[in-house]
Amino acid sequence: MLKPGDVVLVSVQFTDTVDVKVRPAVVLFEELGNFVIAGVTSNPKMKGIPLTRNEGAIKDSVIKLNYIFTVSDEMVNRVVFHLNQDKKRLLFDELCHRLSKLSSN
């Protein structure tokens, strides 16, 4: 069973093509057999939360908080590593900061 903070490889279809590609993502939460995930990119110019090879990433990468989507459990290929507690806290804080704008006028 996947847990929040697992970095996984998932099969996803991108909006600009009909092809399915395997990409890394971070599990945020699970509900009814589906997983809400945040995409991960190895493009260092992207904004987001950095992940390093020392933390377990295959390449230095960035968690993209502007790329959140839902996948079924069948789309998850495997777990690559699990975020450490500090990185999970940073991810949580940044998501809360961005979502807090929903409550403002």
N, C-alpha and C. Protein backbone atom coordinates (compact mmCIF):
# COMPACT_ATOMS: atom_id res chain seq x y z
N MET A 1 0.84 -1.19 0.00
CA MET A 1 0.00 0.00 0.00
C MET A 1 0.87 1.24 0.00
N LEU A 2 0.55 2.17 -0.86
CA LEU A 2 1.30 3.41 -0.95
C LEU A 2 0.96 4.31 0.22
N LYS A 3 1.95 5.15 0.60
CA LYS A 3 1.78 6.07 1.71
C LYS A 3 2.08 7.49 1.24
N PRO A 4 1.49 8.49 1.89
CA PRO A 4 1.85 9.87 1.57
C PRO A 4 3.36 10.06 1.73
N GLY A 5 3.96 10.70 0.74
CA GLY A 5 5.41 10.91 0.76
C GLY A 5 6.17 9.89 -0.06
N ASP A 6 5.51 8.84 -0.54
CA ASP A 6 6.18 7.89 -1.44
C ASP A 6 6.43 8.58 -2.77
N VAL A 7 7.63 8.44 -3.29
CA VAL A 7 7.94 8.89 -4.64
C VAL A 7 7.81 7.66 -5.53
N VAL A 8 6.93 7.75 -6.52
CA VAL A 8 6.59 6.60 -7.34
C VAL A 8 6.81 6.90 -8.81
N LEU A 9 6.87 5.85 -9.61
CA LEU A 9 6.83 5.98 -11.05
C LEU A 9 5.42 5.63 -11.49
N VAL A 10 4.79 6.52 -12.26
CA VAL A 10 3.41 6.32 -12.70
C VAL A 10 3.31 6.47 -14.21
N SER A 11 2.38 5.76 -14.78
CA SER A 11 2.07 5.89 -16.20
C SER A 11 1.00 6.96 -16.34
N VAL A 12 1.32 8.02 -17.07
CA VAL A 12 0.38 9.12 -17.23
C VAL A 12 0.29 9.52 -18.69
N GLN A 13 -0.88 10.03 -19.07
CA GLN A 13 -1.07 10.57 -20.41
C GLN A 13 -0.99 12.09 -20.30
N PHE A 14 -0.14 12.68 -21.08
CA PHE A 14 0.01 14.13 -21.06
C PHE A 14 -1.01 14.77 -21.99
N THR A 15 -1.34 16.01 -21.71
CA THR A 15 -2.38 16.69 -22.49
C THR A 15 -1.95 17.00 -23.91
N ASP A 16 -0.65 17.05 -24.17
CA ASP A 16 -0.18 17.41 -25.50
C ASP A 16 0.05 16.22 -26.42
N THR A 17 -0.29 15.01 -25.96
CA THR A 17 -0.07 13.82 -26.77
C THR A 17 -1.02 12.71 -26.30
N VAL A 18 -1.22 11.71 -27.15
CA VAL A 18 -2.02 10.56 -26.75
C VAL A 18 -1.15 9.47 -26.14
N ASP A 19 0.15 9.69 -26.17
CA ASP A 19 1.08 8.71 -25.62
C ASP A 19 1.03 8.68 -24.10
N VAL A 20 1.29 7.50 -23.55
CA VAL A 20 1.41 7.33 -22.11
C VAL A 20 2.90 7.28 -21.78
N LYS A 21 3.31 8.04 -20.78
CA LYS A 21 4.70 8.10 -20.39
C LYS A 21 4.83 7.74 -18.92
N VAL A 22 5.96 7.16 -18.55
CA VAL A 22 6.24 6.85 -17.15
C VAL A 22 6.99 8.03 -16.56
N ARG A 23 6.44 8.60 -15.50
CA ARG A 23 7.02 9.78 -14.87
C ARG A 23 7.02 9.62 -13.35
N PRO A 24 7.95 10.30 -12.67
CA PRO A 24 7.96 10.26 -11.21
C PRO A 24 6.92 11.23 -10.64
N ALA A 25 6.45 10.90 -9.45
CA ALA A 25 5.48 11.75 -8.75
C ALA A 25 5.53 11.42 -7.27
N VAL A 26 5.02 12.35 -6.46
CA VAL A 26 4.94 12.15 -5.01
C VAL A 26 3.49 11.91 -4.63
N VAL A 27 3.24 10.85 -3.86
CA VAL A 27 1.90 10.56 -3.37
C VAL A 27 1.54 11.56 -2.28
N LEU A 28 0.39 12.24 -2.46
CA LEU A 28 -0.10 13.17 -1.45
C LEU A 28 -1.10 12.47 -0.53
N PHE A 29 -2.08 11.77 -1.14
CA PHE A 29 -3.02 10.98 -0.35
C PHE A 29 -3.75 9.99 -1.24
N GLU A 30 -4.42 9.03 -0.61
CA GLU A 30 -5.18 7.99 -1.30
C GLU A 30 -6.63 8.08 -0.88
N GLU A 31 -7.51 7.84 -1.83
CA GLU A 31 -8.93 7.76 -1.52
C GLU A 31 -9.60 6.84 -2.52
N LEU A 32 -10.25 5.79 -2.03
CA LEU A 32 -11.01 4.86 -2.85
C LEU A 32 -10.21 4.26 -4.00
N GLY A 33 -8.96 3.90 -3.71
CA GLY A 33 -8.13 3.25 -4.71
C GLY A 33 -7.49 4.18 -5.72
N ASN A 34 -7.68 5.47 -5.54
CA ASN A 34 -7.04 6.47 -6.39
C ASN A 34 -6.04 7.26 -5.56
N PHE A 35 -5.00 7.77 -6.21
CA PHE A 35 -3.96 8.51 -5.53
C PHE A 35 -3.85 9.91 -6.11
N VAL A 36 -3.87 10.90 -5.23
CA VAL A 36 -3.61 12.27 -5.63
C VAL A 36 -2.11 12.47 -5.51
N ILE A 37 -1.50 12.90 -6.61
CA ILE A 37 -0.04 12.98 -6.66
C ILE A 37 0.41 14.33 -7.22
N ALA A 38 1.64 14.67 -6.90
CA ALA A 38 2.28 15.86 -7.45
C ALA A 38 3.41 15.39 -8.36
N GLY A 39 3.45 15.93 -9.55
CA GLY A 39 4.48 15.54 -10.50
C GLY A 39 5.87 15.97 -10.06
N VAL A 40 6.86 15.26 -10.58
CA VAL A 40 8.26 15.55 -10.31
C VAL A 40 8.97 15.70 -11.65
N THR A 41 9.83 16.69 -11.76
CA THR A 41 10.60 16.90 -12.99
C THR A 41 12.08 16.99 -12.67
N SER A 42 12.91 16.61 -13.63
CA SER A 42 14.35 16.78 -13.47
C SER A 42 14.82 18.10 -14.09
N ASN A 43 13.88 18.92 -14.55
CA ASN A 43 14.20 20.23 -15.11
C ASN A 43 14.46 21.20 -13.96
N PRO A 44 15.71 21.60 -13.74
CA PRO A 44 16.04 22.45 -12.59
C PRO A 44 15.50 23.87 -12.71
N LYS A 45 15.00 24.26 -13.89
CA LYS A 45 14.46 25.60 -14.07
C LYS A 45 13.01 25.71 -13.59
N MET A 46 12.38 24.58 -13.32
CA MET A 46 10.99 24.58 -12.85
C MET A 46 10.94 25.03 -11.39
N LYS A 47 9.84 25.70 -11.04
CA LYS A 47 9.63 26.10 -9.65
C LYS A 47 9.03 24.93 -8.88
N GLY A 48 9.40 24.84 -7.62
CA GLY A 48 8.85 23.79 -6.77
C GLY A 48 9.80 23.46 -5.64
N ILE A 49 9.62 22.30 -5.09
CA ILE A 49 10.42 21.84 -3.95
C ILE A 49 11.53 20.94 -4.46
N PRO A 50 12.78 21.29 -4.18
CA PRO A 50 13.89 20.49 -4.71
C PRO A 50 14.01 19.12 -4.04
N LEU A 51 14.39 18.13 -4.86
CA LEU A 51 14.73 16.78 -4.41
C LEU A 51 16.14 16.49 -4.92
N THR A 52 16.96 15.92 -4.08
CA THR A 52 18.34 15.64 -4.49
C THR A 52 18.57 14.14 -4.61
N ARG A 53 19.66 13.82 -5.26
CA ARG A 53 20.07 12.41 -5.36
C ARG A 53 20.37 11.85 -3.97
N ASN A 54 20.90 12.69 -3.08
CA ASN A 54 21.18 12.25 -1.71
C ASN A 54 19.92 11.84 -0.96
N GLU A 55 18.78 12.40 -1.37
CA GLU A 55 17.50 12.06 -0.73
C GLU A 55 16.87 10.81 -1.34
N GLY A 56 17.42 10.35 -2.46
CA GLY A 56 16.90 9.15 -3.10
C GLY A 56 16.46 9.33 -4.54
N ALA A 57 16.41 10.57 -5.00
CA ALA A 57 15.99 10.83 -6.39
C ALA A 57 17.02 10.25 -7.35
N ILE A 58 16.55 9.79 -8.49
CA ILE A 58 17.43 9.25 -9.52
C ILE A 58 18.31 10.37 -10.08
N LYS A 59 17.72 11.56 -10.24
CA LYS A 59 18.42 12.77 -10.66
C LYS A 59 17.96 13.88 -9.72
N ASP A 60 18.77 14.94 -9.58
CA ASP A 60 18.28 16.11 -8.86
C ASP A 60 17.01 16.56 -9.57
N SER A 61 15.96 16.82 -8.80
CA SER A 61 14.63 17.05 -9.36
C SER A 61 13.89 18.12 -8.58
N VAL A 62 12.65 18.37 -9.02
CA VAL A 62 11.79 19.36 -8.39
C VAL A 62 10.38 18.78 -8.30
N ILE A 63 9.77 18.87 -7.11
CA ILE A 63 8.35 18.51 -6.96
C ILE A 63 7.55 19.70 -7.47
N LYS A 64 6.70 19.47 -8.47
CA LYS A 64 5.93 20.54 -9.10
C LYS A 64 4.56 20.66 -8.46
N LEU A 65 4.38 21.66 -7.63
CA LEU A 65 3.10 21.84 -6.96
C LEU A 65 2.03 22.43 -7.87
N ASN A 66 2.41 22.81 -9.08
CA ASN A 66 1.43 23.27 -10.05
C ASN A 66 0.97 22.13 -10.96
N TYR A 67 1.39 20.91 -10.66
CA TYR A 67 1.04 19.75 -11.47
C TYR A 67 0.55 18.63 -10.55
N ILE A 68 -0.68 18.79 -10.08
CA ILE A 68 -1.29 17.82 -9.16
C ILE A 68 -2.43 17.14 -9.91
N PHE A 69 -2.46 15.82 -9.83
CA PHE A 69 -3.50 15.08 -10.52
C PHE A 69 -3.79 13.77 -9.81
N THR A 70 -4.79 13.06 -10.29
CA THR A 70 -5.22 11.80 -9.69
C THR A 70 -4.96 10.65 -10.65
N VAL A 71 -4.44 9.55 -10.09
CA VAL A 71 -4.21 8.34 -10.88
C VAL A 71 -4.81 7.15 -10.13
N SER A 72 -5.16 6.12 -10.87
CA SER A 72 -5.64 4.90 -10.23
C SER A 72 -4.44 4.08 -9.77
N ASP A 73 -4.67 3.17 -8.86
CA ASP A 73 -3.56 2.35 -8.35
C ASP A 73 -2.93 1.51 -9.45
N GLU A 74 -3.68 1.19 -10.52
CA GLU A 74 -3.13 0.41 -11.62
C GLU A 74 -2.07 1.18 -12.41
N MET A 75 -2.07 2.49 -12.30
CA MET A 75 -1.12 3.31 -13.05
C MET A 75 0.22 3.45 -12.34
N VAL A 76 0.28 3.02 -11.09
CA VAL A 76 1.52 3.13 -10.33
C VAL A 76 2.40 1.93 -10.64
N ASN A 77 3.60 2.19 -11.14
CA ASN A 77 4.52 1.11 -11.51
C ASN A 77 5.31 0.60 -10.31
N ARG A 78 5.89 1.53 -9.53
CA ARG A 78 6.67 1.11 -8.37
C ARG A 78 7.03 2.31 -7.51
N VAL A 79 7.39 2.02 -6.27
CA VAL A 79 7.90 3.04 -5.36
C VAL A 79 9.40 3.17 -5.57
N VAL A 80 9.89 4.40 -5.70
CA VAL A 80 11.31 4.64 -5.89
C VAL A 80 11.98 4.90 -4.54
N PHE A 81 11.39 5.78 -3.73
CA PHE A 81 11.88 6.06 -2.38
C PHE A 81 10.80 6.81 -1.62
N HIS A 82 11.07 7.11 -0.36
CA HIS A 82 10.12 7.81 0.48
C HIS A 82 10.75 9.12 0.96
N LEU A 83 9.98 10.20 0.90
CA LEU A 83 10.49 11.49 1.37
C LEU A 83 10.80 11.43 2.86
N ASN A 84 11.87 12.13 3.26
CA ASN A 84 12.16 12.20 4.69
C ASN A 84 11.17 13.16 5.36
N GLN A 85 11.16 13.16 6.67
CA GLN A 85 10.19 13.94 7.44
C GLN A 85 10.30 15.44 7.16
N ASP A 86 11.51 15.95 7.04
CA ASP A 86 11.69 17.37 6.76
C ASP A 86 11.12 17.75 5.40
N LYS A 87 11.32 16.91 4.40
CA LYS A 87 10.81 17.20 3.06
C LYS A 87 9.29 17.09 3.03
N LYS A 88 8.72 16.13 3.76
CA LYS A 88 7.27 16.03 3.84
C LYS A 88 6.68 17.26 4.51
N ARG A 89 7.33 17.77 5.55
CA ARG A 89 6.86 18.98 6.24
C ARG A 89 6.92 20.18 5.28
N LEU A 90 8.00 20.31 4.53
CA LEU A 90 8.13 21.39 3.57
C LEU A 90 7.04 21.32 2.51
N LEU A 91 6.77 20.12 2.02
CA LEU A 91 5.71 19.91 1.03
C LEU A 91 4.36 20.29 1.61
N PHE A 92 4.06 19.84 2.82
CA PHE A 92 2.81 20.17 3.49
C PHE A 92 2.66 21.67 3.67
N ASP A 93 3.70 22.32 4.18
CA ASP A 93 3.65 23.76 4.43
C ASP A 93 3.42 24.55 3.14
N GLU A 94 4.10 24.15 2.08
CA GLU A 94 3.95 24.86 0.81
C GLU A 94 2.55 24.66 0.22
N LEU A 95 2.02 23.45 0.31
CA LEU A 95 0.65 23.21 -0.16
C LEU A 95 -0.35 24.02 0.64
N CYS A 96 -0.19 24.06 1.97
CA CYS A 96 -1.09 24.85 2.82
C CYS A 96 -1.00 26.33 2.48
N HIS A 97 0.21 26.81 2.24
CA HIS A 97 0.39 28.21 1.89
C HIS A 97 -0.37 28.55 0.60
N ARG A 98 -0.23 27.70 -0.38
CA ARG A 98 -0.90 27.95 -1.66
C ARG A 98 -2.42 27.84 -1.54
N LEU A 99 -2.89 26.85 -0.76
CA LEU A 99 -4.33 26.66 -0.61
C LEU A 99 -4.96 27.70 0.31
N SER A 100 -4.17 28.33 1.15
CA SER A 100 -4.72 29.33 2.07
C SER A 100 -5.34 30.50 1.32
N LYS A 101 -4.97 30.70 0.09
CA LYS A 101 -5.52 31.78 -0.71
C LYS A 101 -7.00 31.53 -1.03
N LEU A 102 -7.46 30.30 -0.87
CA LEU A 102 -8.88 30.00 -1.07
C LEU A 102 -9.74 30.69 -0.02
N SER A 103 -9.21 30.88 1.17
CA SER A 103 -10.00 31.45 2.25
C SER A 103 -9.97 32.97 2.31
N SER A 104 -9.12 33.59 1.48
CA SER A 104 -9.07 35.06 1.48
C SER A 104 -10.06 35.63 0.48
N ASN A 105 -10.40 36.88 0.68
CA ASN A 105 -11.39 37.53 -0.20
C ASN A 105 -10.83 37.78 -1.55
